[in-house]
């Protein structure tokens, strides 16, 4: 699923062409490491008790959203996530994803991968939104 989601984004977002000193370079709209971290987080931390909803990946002209069903677990807030506070809803699933090397920084993906990655890529800060019964990571193009 992770690879399929990454392929979907790659197929449906433009490549930015930049020229510097006569050299042409291509840059993806969204960094693959940031996308992978957001998608893996959605799979691992979603609330699987909410069976009538799915993880959503939405691409808009100016942003991309990864929407995960369920409220944030164990007193976690978007602010605490940015600061590196860790909590896991699905420990067994997290362990399996770690064994298959989908996890690198246990519990630090939001500050170290997503926030830092978008800042380095295009100077934007991602929105982390808890709304109703879902959590949204919004990345800006």
Foldseek 3Di string as FASTA:
>chain_A
DLVVVLVVQQVPFDWDWDDDPNDIDTHTPADSQQSLLLVLCLVFAADVVPPVDDWDWDDDPWKIKTKHFFFGPDPDDPVVLLVQDADGDHVVSVVVCVVVPSDDDHSNCQNPPNQVRLCVRPNDGWDWDGDDGMTMTMHTD
